[in-house]
C-alpha atoms as a PDB file:
ATOM      1  CA  MET A   1      -0.066  -0.328  -0.016  1.00  0.00           C
ATOM      2  CA  THR A   2       0.977   3.480  -1.168  1.00  0.00           C
ATOM      3  CA  ILE A   3       0.160   6.567   1.663  1.00  0.00           C
ATOM      4  CA  GLN A   4       0.014  10.089   0.302  1.00  0.00           C
ATOM      5  CA  LEU A   5       0.567  12.692   2.877  1.00  0.00           C
ATOM      6  CA  SER A   6       0.357  16.238   3.349  1.00  0.00           C
ATOM      7  CA  ALA A   7       3.227  16.749   5.731  1.00  0.00           C
ATOM      8  CA  ARG A   8       6.292  17.788   3.574  1.00  0.00           C
ATOM      9  CA  ASN A   9       8.872  16.345   6.484  1.00  0.00           C
ATOM     10  CA  GLN A  10       9.262  13.398   5.558  1.00  0.00           C
ATOM     11  CA  LEU A  11      13.365  12.048   7.317  1.00  0.00           C
ATOM     12  CA  LYS A  12      14.146   8.681   6.977  1.00  0.00           C
ATOM     13  CA  ALA A  13      15.710   7.695  10.036  1.00  0.00           C
ATOM     14  CA  LYS A  14      16.734   4.566  11.856  1.00  0.00           C
ATOM     15  CA  VAL A  15      15.064   3.571  15.355  1.00  0.00           C
ATOM     16  CA  LYS A  16      18.005   4.347  18.016  1.00  0.00           C
ATOM     17  CA  SER A  17      15.734   3.148  21.562  1.00  0.00           C
ATOM     18  CA  VAL A  18      12.893   2.792  22.687  1.00  0.00           C
ATOM     19  CA  LYS A  19      11.714   3.637  26.378  1.00  0.00           C
ATOM     20  CA  LEU A  20       8.312   1.675  26.889  1.00  0.00           C
ATOM     21  CA  GLY A  21       6.575   3.506  30.299  1.00  0.00           C
ATOM     22  CA  ALA A  22       2.636   2.032  31.896  1.00  0.00           C
ATOM     23  CA  VAL A  23       0.659   4.710  28.741  1.00  0.00           C
ATOM     24  CA  MET A  24       3.821   6.578  26.664  1.00  0.00           C
ATOM     25  CA  ALA A  25       7.212   5.620  24.963  1.00  0.00           C
ATOM     26  CA  GLU A  26      10.098   7.484  24.091  1.00  0.00           C
ATOM     27  CA  VAL A  27      11.668   6.850  20.921  1.00  0.00           C
ATOM     28  CA  VAL A  28      14.426   8.169  19.636  1.00  0.00           C
ATOM     29  CA  VAL A  29      15.520   7.812  16.193  1.00  0.00           C
ATOM     30  CA  GLU A  30      18.159   9.234  14.056  1.00  0.00           C
ATOM     31  CA  LEU A  31      18.922  10.786  11.048  1.00  0.00           C
ATOM     32  CA  PRO A  32      21.583   9.386   8.638  1.00  0.00           C
ATOM     33  CA  ASP A  33      24.050  12.596   9.568  1.00  0.00           C
ATOM     34  CA  GLY A  34      23.832  11.360  13.237  1.00  0.00           C
ATOM     35  CA  GLN A  35      21.357  13.763  14.545  1.00  0.00           C
ATOM     36  CA  GLN A  36      18.780  12.593  16.788  1.00  0.00           C
ATOM     37  CA  ILE A  37      15.111  13.226  17.109  1.00  0.00           C
ATOM     38  CA  VAL A  38      13.268  12.312  20.757  1.00  0.00           C
ATOM     39  CA  SER A  39       9.234  11.219  19.359  1.00  0.00           C
ATOM     40  CA  ALA A  40       7.063  10.548  22.127  1.00  0.00           C
ATOM     41  CA  ILE A  41       4.218   8.286  20.966  1.00  0.00           C
ATOM     42  CA  THR A  42       1.451   6.049  22.962  1.00  0.00           C
ATOM     43  CA  ARG A  43       2.953   2.412  23.740  1.00  0.00           C
ATOM     44  CA  ASN A  44      -0.061   1.230  21.904  1.00  0.00           C
ATOM     45  CA  SER A  45       1.683   2.548  18.492  1.00  0.00           C
ATOM     46  CA  VAL A  46       5.335   1.375  19.145  1.00  0.00           C
ATOM     47  CA  GLU A  47       3.830  -2.502  19.752  1.00  0.00           C
ATOM     48  CA  GLY A  48       1.470  -1.968  17.026  1.00  0.00           C
ATOM     49  CA  LEU A  49       4.159  -0.652  14.566  1.00  0.00           C
ATOM     50  CA  GLY A  50       6.506  -3.075  16.212  1.00  0.00           C
ATOM     51  CA  LEU A  51       9.385  -0.279  16.769  1.00  0.00           C
ATOM     52  CA  LYS A  52      12.449  -1.887  17.558  1.00  0.00           C
ATOM     53  CA  GLU A  53      16.016  -0.676  17.579  1.00  0.00           C
ATOM     54  CA  GLY A  54      17.877  -0.846  14.774  1.00  0.00           C
ATOM     55  CA  ASP A  55      14.005  -0.462  12.395  1.00  0.00           C
ATOM     56  CA  ASP A  56      14.371   2.011   9.318  1.00  0.00           C
ATOM     57  CA  ILE A  57      11.653   4.006   9.815  1.00  0.00           C
ATOM     58  CA  ILE A  58      10.065   7.449   8.052  1.00  0.00           C
ATOM     59  CA  ALA A  59      10.041  10.701  10.629  1.00  0.00           C
ATOM     60  CA  ILE A  60       6.951  12.756   9.345  1.00  0.00           C
ATOM     61  CA  ILE A  61       6.645  16.326  11.274  1.00  0.00           C
ATOM     62  CA  LYS A  62       3.876  17.651  10.895  1.00  0.00           C
ATOM     63  CA  SER A  63       3.345  21.300  12.670  1.00  0.00           C
ATOM     64  CA  THR A  64       1.112  24.716  12.360  1.00  0.00           C
ATOM     65  CA  GLU A  65       3.815  26.800  14.639  1.00  0.00           C
ATOM     66  CA  VAL A  66       7.600  26.329  13.982  1.00  0.00           C
ATOM     67  CA  MET A  67      10.210  28.057  16.353  1.00  0.00           C
ATOM     68  CA  ILE A  68      13.450  29.719  14.801  1.00  0.00           C
ATOM     69  CA  GLY A  69      16.470  30.981  16.777  1.00  0.00           C
ATOM     70  CA  LYS A  70      19.376  32.673  16.056  1.00  0.00           C
ATOM     71  CA  ASP A  71      22.318  33.662  18.186  1.00  0.00           C
ATOM     72  CA  VAL A  72      22.839  37.397  18.752  1.00  0.00           C
END
């Protein structure tokens, strides 16, 4: 199945770690250049996707607000 998404920020990454809590989970993913993104998703989502360390994934970032900072 192919799904087309409206979110344009789709980043290929690899699951670095998964920490399961009672309800939520912290998933750390690593981009090809070594940068890491931390995602907080439900434990049910982790289990439903079968996420585990080493999995190749797509990090999809959809936001109505993006903050930008600059050293001045």
